[in-house]
Protein backbone atom coordinates (compact mmCIF):
# COMPACT_ATOMS: atom_id res chain seq x y z
CA MET A 1 -13.62 -11.80 22.25
CA PRO A 2 -15.05 -8.22 22.18
CA VAL A 3 -15.42 -6.83 18.67
CA ASN A 4 -13.06 -3.91 19.37
CA LYS A 5 -10.30 -6.44 20.07
CA ASN A 6 -11.12 -8.30 16.86
CA ILE A 7 -10.82 -5.02 14.96
CA TYR A 8 -7.55 -4.34 16.77
CA TYR A 9 -5.97 -7.64 15.73
CA VAL A 10 -7.26 -7.40 12.16
CA LEU A 11 -5.78 -3.93 11.69
CA ARG A 12 -2.55 -4.85 13.46
CA ILE A 13 -1.94 -7.90 11.26
CA ALA A 14 -3.04 -6.02 8.13
CA ALA A 15 -0.60 -3.15 8.74
CA ALA A 16 2.20 -5.63 9.44
CA MET A 17 1.47 -7.47 6.18
CA CYS A 18 1.59 -4.22 4.25
CA PHE A 19 5.04 -3.22 5.43
CA ILE A 20 6.55 -6.69 5.42
CA GLY A 21 5.37 -7.18 1.83
CA HIS A 22 6.61 -3.73 0.82
CA GLY A 23 9.94 -4.35 2.51
CA ALA A 24 10.38 -7.62 0.64
CA PHE A 25 10.52 -5.67 -2.63
CA GLY A 26 13.39 -3.64 -1.23
CA ILE A 27 15.31 -6.82 -0.47
CA ILE A 28 14.48 -8.15 -3.94
CA THR A 29 15.51 -4.76 -5.41
CA LYS A 30 12.41 -4.18 -7.51
CA PRO A 31 13.54 -2.19 -10.60
CA ILE A 32 10.61 0.26 -10.55
CA TRP A 33 11.83 1.55 -7.19
CA CYS A 34 14.62 3.31 -9.11
CA ASN A 35 11.98 5.76 -10.36
CA TYR A 36 11.09 6.70 -6.79
CA PHE A 37 14.71 7.28 -5.79
CA ALA A 38 15.14 9.34 -8.96
CA VAL A 39 12.60 11.85 -7.58
CA PHE A 40 15.39 12.91 -5.19
CA GLY A 41 18.12 12.77 -7.82
CA ILE A 42 19.44 9.39 -6.73
CA GLY A 43 20.85 7.33 -9.61
CA LYS A 44 20.26 3.65 -10.29
CA THR A 45 23.52 2.40 -8.79
CA ALA A 46 22.90 4.16 -5.49
CA ALA A 47 19.21 3.22 -5.60
CA TYR A 48 19.97 -0.48 -5.86
CA ALA A 49 22.42 -0.17 -2.99
CA LEU A 50 19.85 1.60 -0.78
CA MET A 51 16.84 -0.61 -1.56
CA PRO A 52 17.79 -3.48 0.79
CA TRP A 53 18.27 -1.02 3.67
CA VAL A 54 14.89 0.59 3.08
CA GLY A 55 13.28 -2.82 2.67
CA SER A 56 14.87 -4.14 5.87
CA MET A 57 13.55 -1.14 7.80
CA ASP A 58 10.04 -1.74 6.46
CA ILE A 59 10.19 -5.41 7.47
CA LEU A 60 11.44 -4.52 10.96
CA MET A 61 8.61 -2.02 11.41
CA GLY A 62 6.10 -4.61 10.23
CA LEU A 63 7.47 -7.27 12.59
CA SER A 64 7.39 -4.82 15.49
CA LEU A 65 3.63 -4.49 14.98
CA LEU A 66 3.26 -8.24 15.36
CA PHE A 67 5.31 -8.49 18.55
CA TYR A 68 5.23 -5.07 20.26
CA PRO A 69 3.14 -2.35 18.58
CA THR A 70 3.81 1.20 19.75
CA ARG A 71 2.32 4.60 18.99
CA THR A 72 5.73 5.70 17.64
CA VAL A 73 5.92 2.95 15.04
CA LEU A 74 2.28 3.33 13.98
CA SER A 75 2.68 7.10 13.59
CA TRP A 76 5.78 6.56 11.49
CA LEU A 77 3.95 4.04 9.31
CA VAL A 78 1.13 6.52 8.65
CA ILE A 79 3.68 9.08 7.44
CA TRP A 80 5.88 6.59 5.60
CA GLY A 81 2.93 4.81 3.99
CA PHE A 82 1.53 8.08 2.64
CA PHE A 83 4.97 9.31 1.58
CA THR A 84 5.82 6.17 -0.41
CA ALA A 85 2.38 6.23 -2.03
CA MET A 86 2.93 9.89 -2.98
CA LEU A 87 6.19 8.96 -4.71
CA ARG A 88 4.23 7.19 -7.40
CA PRO A 89 2.50 10.24 -8.91
CA MET A 90 5.62 12.28 -8.15
CA SER A 91 7.63 9.89 -10.32
CA GLY A 92 5.18 10.16 -13.21
CA GLU A 93 2.69 7.41 -12.44
CA ALA A 94 -1.06 8.05 -12.47
CA PHE A 95 -2.61 9.87 -9.50
CA PRO A 96 -4.94 6.97 -8.56
CA GLU A 97 -1.83 5.01 -7.53
CA LEU A 98 -1.81 7.24 -4.44
CA ILE A 99 -5.39 6.70 -3.37
CA GLU A 100 -5.40 2.99 -4.32
CA ARG A 101 -2.87 2.49 -1.52
CA ALA A 102 -5.06 4.07 1.15
CA GLY A 103 -4.81 0.85 3.15
CA ASN A 104 -1.08 1.44 3.62
CA TYR A 105 -1.49 4.66 5.56
CA GLY A 106 -5.16 4.48 6.56
CA VAL A 107 -4.99 1.21 8.50
CA PRO A 108 -2.25 2.29 10.97
CA LEU A 109 -4.13 5.59 11.48
CA VAL A 110 -7.37 3.78 12.36
CA LEU A 111 -5.41 1.52 14.71
CA LEU A 112 -4.06 4.60 16.49
CA ILE A 113 -7.59 5.98 16.86
CA LEU A 114 -8.83 2.67 18.26
CA CYS A 115 -6.03 2.30 20.81
CA GLY A 116 -6.29 5.94 21.88
CA ASP A 117 -10.09 5.76 22.27
CA GLY A 118 -10.52 8.48 19.67
CA LYS A 119 -7.26 10.33 20.43
CA PRO A 120 -4.64 8.84 18.08
CA PHE A 121 -1.60 10.75 19.30
CA ALA A 122 -2.37 11.00 23.02
CA GLY A 123 -0.52 8.73 25.43
CA LYS A 124 2.88 7.13 25.84
CA TRP A 125 4.81 6.86 22.60
CA PHE A 126 6.92 3.79 23.36
CA ALA A 127 4.54 1.75 25.51
CA GLY A 128 2.90 -1.33 24.02
CA LEU A 129 -0.47 -0.47 22.49
CA LYS A 130 -3.59 -2.41 23.38
CA PRO A 131 -7.26 -1.77 22.59
CA VAL A 132 -9.33 -0.09 25.29
CA GLU A 133 -11.54 -2.48 27.25
CA GLN A 134 -14.77 -0.75 26.25
CA ILE A 135 -14.90 1.21 23.02
CA SER A 136 -17.07 4.31 23.21
CA ALA A 137 -19.82 5.07 20.71
CA LYS A 138 -17.95 8.21 19.68
CA THR A 139 -14.76 6.27 18.97
CA LEU A 140 -16.66 3.58 17.08
CA ALA A 141 -18.21 6.30 14.92
CA LYS A 142 -14.76 7.77 14.16
CA ILE A 143 -13.34 4.36 13.30
CA THR A 144 -16.29 3.52 11.07
CA ILE A 145 -16.04 6.81 9.16
CA CYS A 146 -12.28 6.45 8.71
CA LEU A 147 -12.63 2.87 7.50
CA ARG A 148 -15.37 3.86 5.05
CA VAL A 149 -13.10 6.55 3.61
CA VAL A 150 -10.14 4.15 3.39
CA VAL A 151 -12.22 1.47 1.63
CA LEU A 152 -13.74 4.11 -0.65
CA LEU A 153 -10.28 5.28 -1.70
CA LEU A 154 -8.74 1.87 -2.26
CA LEU A 155 -11.69 0.64 -4.33
CA ALA A 156 -12.03 3.89 -6.28
CA GLY A 157 -8.29 4.07 -6.90
CA HIS A 158 -8.10 0.54 -8.30
CA GLY A 159 -11.26 1.10 -10.34
CA TRP A 160 -9.79 4.29 -11.75
CA LEU A 161 -6.62 2.45 -12.77
CA ASN A 162 -8.78 -0.04 -14.64
CA ILE A 163 -10.68 2.73 -16.41
CA ILE A 164 -7.46 4.35 -17.64
CA GLU A 165 -6.15 0.89 -18.65
CA LYS A 166 -3.02 0.72 -16.51
CA LYS A 167 -0.40 -1.32 -18.33
CA GLY A 168 0.20 -3.74 -15.46
CA ILE A 169 -3.50 -4.44 -15.03
CA MET A 170 -3.96 -4.99 -18.76
CA GLY A 171 -1.10 -7.46 -18.61
CA GLN A 172 -2.93 -9.37 -15.88
CA TYR A 173 -6.06 -9.73 -18.01
CA ILE A 174 -4.03 -10.84 -21.02
CA SER A 175 -2.21 -13.46 -18.92
CA LEU A 176 -5.60 -14.73 -17.73
CA GLY A 177 -6.60 -15.34 -21.34
CA PHE A 178 -9.07 -12.49 -21.95
CA SER A 179 -9.24 -11.63 -25.64
CA ASN A 180 -10.55 -8.11 -24.98
CA PRO A 181 -8.65 -6.87 -21.92
CA ALA A 182 -9.82 -3.27 -22.39
CA PHE A 183 -13.47 -4.31 -22.06
CA ILE A 184 -12.70 -6.33 -18.93
CA ALA A 185 -10.74 -3.42 -17.45
CA HIS A 186 -13.61 -1.00 -18.03
CA ALA A 187 -16.17 -3.44 -16.61
CA VAL A 188 -14.05 -4.10 -13.51
CA GLY A 189 -13.33 -0.39 -13.13
CA LEU A 190 -17.02 0.48 -13.25
CA PHE A 191 -17.83 -2.25 -10.71
CA GLU A 192 -15.17 -1.01 -8.29
CA LEU A 193 -16.21 2.63 -8.64
CA VAL A 194 -19.83 1.71 -7.90
CA ALA A 195 -18.66 -0.37 -4.96
CA ALA A 196 -16.65 2.60 -3.64
CA VAL A 197 -19.68 4.90 -3.79
CA ALA A 198 -21.83 2.25 -2.09
CA VAL A 199 -19.36 2.03 0.81
CA LEU A 200 -19.39 5.80 1.21
CA VAL A 201 -23.17 6.23 1.01
CA LYS A 202 -24.41 3.18 2.91
CA PRO A 203 -22.14 0.19 3.50
CA ILE A 204 -24.00 -3.11 3.79
CA ARG A 205 -22.27 -5.83 5.80
CA ASP A 206 -23.20 -8.75 3.54
CA ILE A 207 -21.97 -6.91 0.46
CA LEU A 208 -18.71 -5.98 2.21
CA ILE A 209 -17.91 -9.69 2.36
CA VAL A 210 -18.28 -9.79 -1.43
CA PHE A 211 -15.86 -6.86 -1.74
CA LEU A 212 -13.43 -8.57 0.64
CA VAL A 213 -13.40 -11.83 -1.32
CA TRP A 214 -13.09 -9.83 -4.56
CA LYS A 215 -10.09 -7.91 -3.28
CA ILE A 216 -8.34 -10.97 -1.86
CA ALA A 217 -8.84 -12.88 -5.12
CA THR A 218 -7.94 -10.15 -7.61
CA GLU A 219 -4.68 -9.28 -5.87
CA LEU A 220 -3.41 -12.80 -6.69
CA PHE A 221 -3.09 -12.05 -10.39
CA TYR A 222 0.21 -10.17 -10.46
CA PRO A 223 2.58 -11.75 -13.00
CA HIS A 224 5.72 -11.50 -10.84
CA TRP A 225 6.30 -11.97 -7.11
CA GLU A 226 2.60 -12.75 -6.60
CA VAL A 227 3.00 -13.70 -2.93
CA PHE A 228 4.71 -10.46 -1.93
CA GLU A 229 2.27 -8.37 -3.96
CA TRP A 230 -0.62 -10.10 -2.19
CA ILE A 231 0.93 -9.63 1.25
CA GLU A 232 1.64 -5.96 0.59
CA ARG A 233 -2.08 -5.38 -0.03
CA GLY A 234 -2.86 -6.55 3.52
CA GLY A 235 -4.10 -3.08 4.42
CA SER A 236 -6.83 -3.36 1.79
CA TYR A 237 -8.17 -6.65 3.13
CA GLY A 238 -7.84 -5.51 6.72
CA ALA A 239 -9.72 -2.25 6.15
CA ILE A 240 -12.70 -4.03 4.56
CA LEU A 241 -12.80 -6.75 7.22
CA ALA A 242 -12.47 -4.21 10.05
CA LEU A 243 -15.35 -2.19 8.59
CA TRP A 244 -17.45 -5.35 8.46
CA LEU A 245 -16.71 -5.93 12.15
CA ALA A 246 -17.44 -2.31 13.08
CA LEU A 247 -20.85 -2.48 11.43
CA LYS A 248 -21.90 -5.57 13.39
CA PRO A 249 -25.24 -4.73 15.07
CA ALA A 250 -24.08 -6.19 18.40
CA THR A 251 -21.08 -3.85 18.37
CA ILE A 252 -23.25 -0.77 17.88
CA LYS A 253 -25.67 -1.91 20.58
CA GLU A 254 -22.83 -2.67 23.00
CA THR A 255 -21.22 0.76 22.57
CA SER A 256 -24.58 2.49 23.00
CA ASN A 257 -25.14 0.61 26.27
CA ASN A 258 -21.64 1.59 27.44
CA LEU A 259 -22.40 5.24 26.68
CA GLN A 260 -25.68 5.11 28.63
CA GLN A 261 -23.99 3.46 31.58
CA SER A 262 -21.23 6.08 31.63
CA ARG A 263 -23.87 8.84 31.74
CA ALA A 264 -25.85 7.17 34.52
């Protein structure tokens, strides 16, 4: 299978995971969501009544990506993913909560760029989206840059949250039996910040696999609803894996050959 199609399926599944996992918390009626509804003056009683509706919509959007992805749904998910991430600092949480969720809004955006051959919002809005047969070198470059930025943000955001000793993260380290959770948080935070800079400056494919395994493993440590938390972070795993695929030497060579043939 051509690498552009592999990237397409990775991003498509990753975006679906993100919104299905997020929607599950609406069905469960996660208490912290009350803070986000409160930004708009909505009280707890109304918030709990609205959560299942919001969650059901998220799940439907995620499922639509699995069965019939469209430009309309992906565009909505870019906006909705960024909006819901923004609600965190707006409700009083730390700013890195916004950038740590870059996979939520970045992955559907990259998928739009891939399917539009560099033009994310050009084409039919309700037709089923498929990857172009031959990805151009220009589009590959755009996708690679976007993925590097997304991975930079999600790693830097999580590292930042470790550095400032986010309560939830500290709780994870305590539950794992660490006697000095602050030291572990600072060490992990420094590692992730260095990893983020490395991805921005010069991503190395073999090291990206290390980051991928790290991200998949560390997202399993949430004390409650671990499965849904892990699924919701699908955009993070997908962005790293898609970047690994985009940096494959054969992919770069193939797109360069396609560009030369198109000019001939």
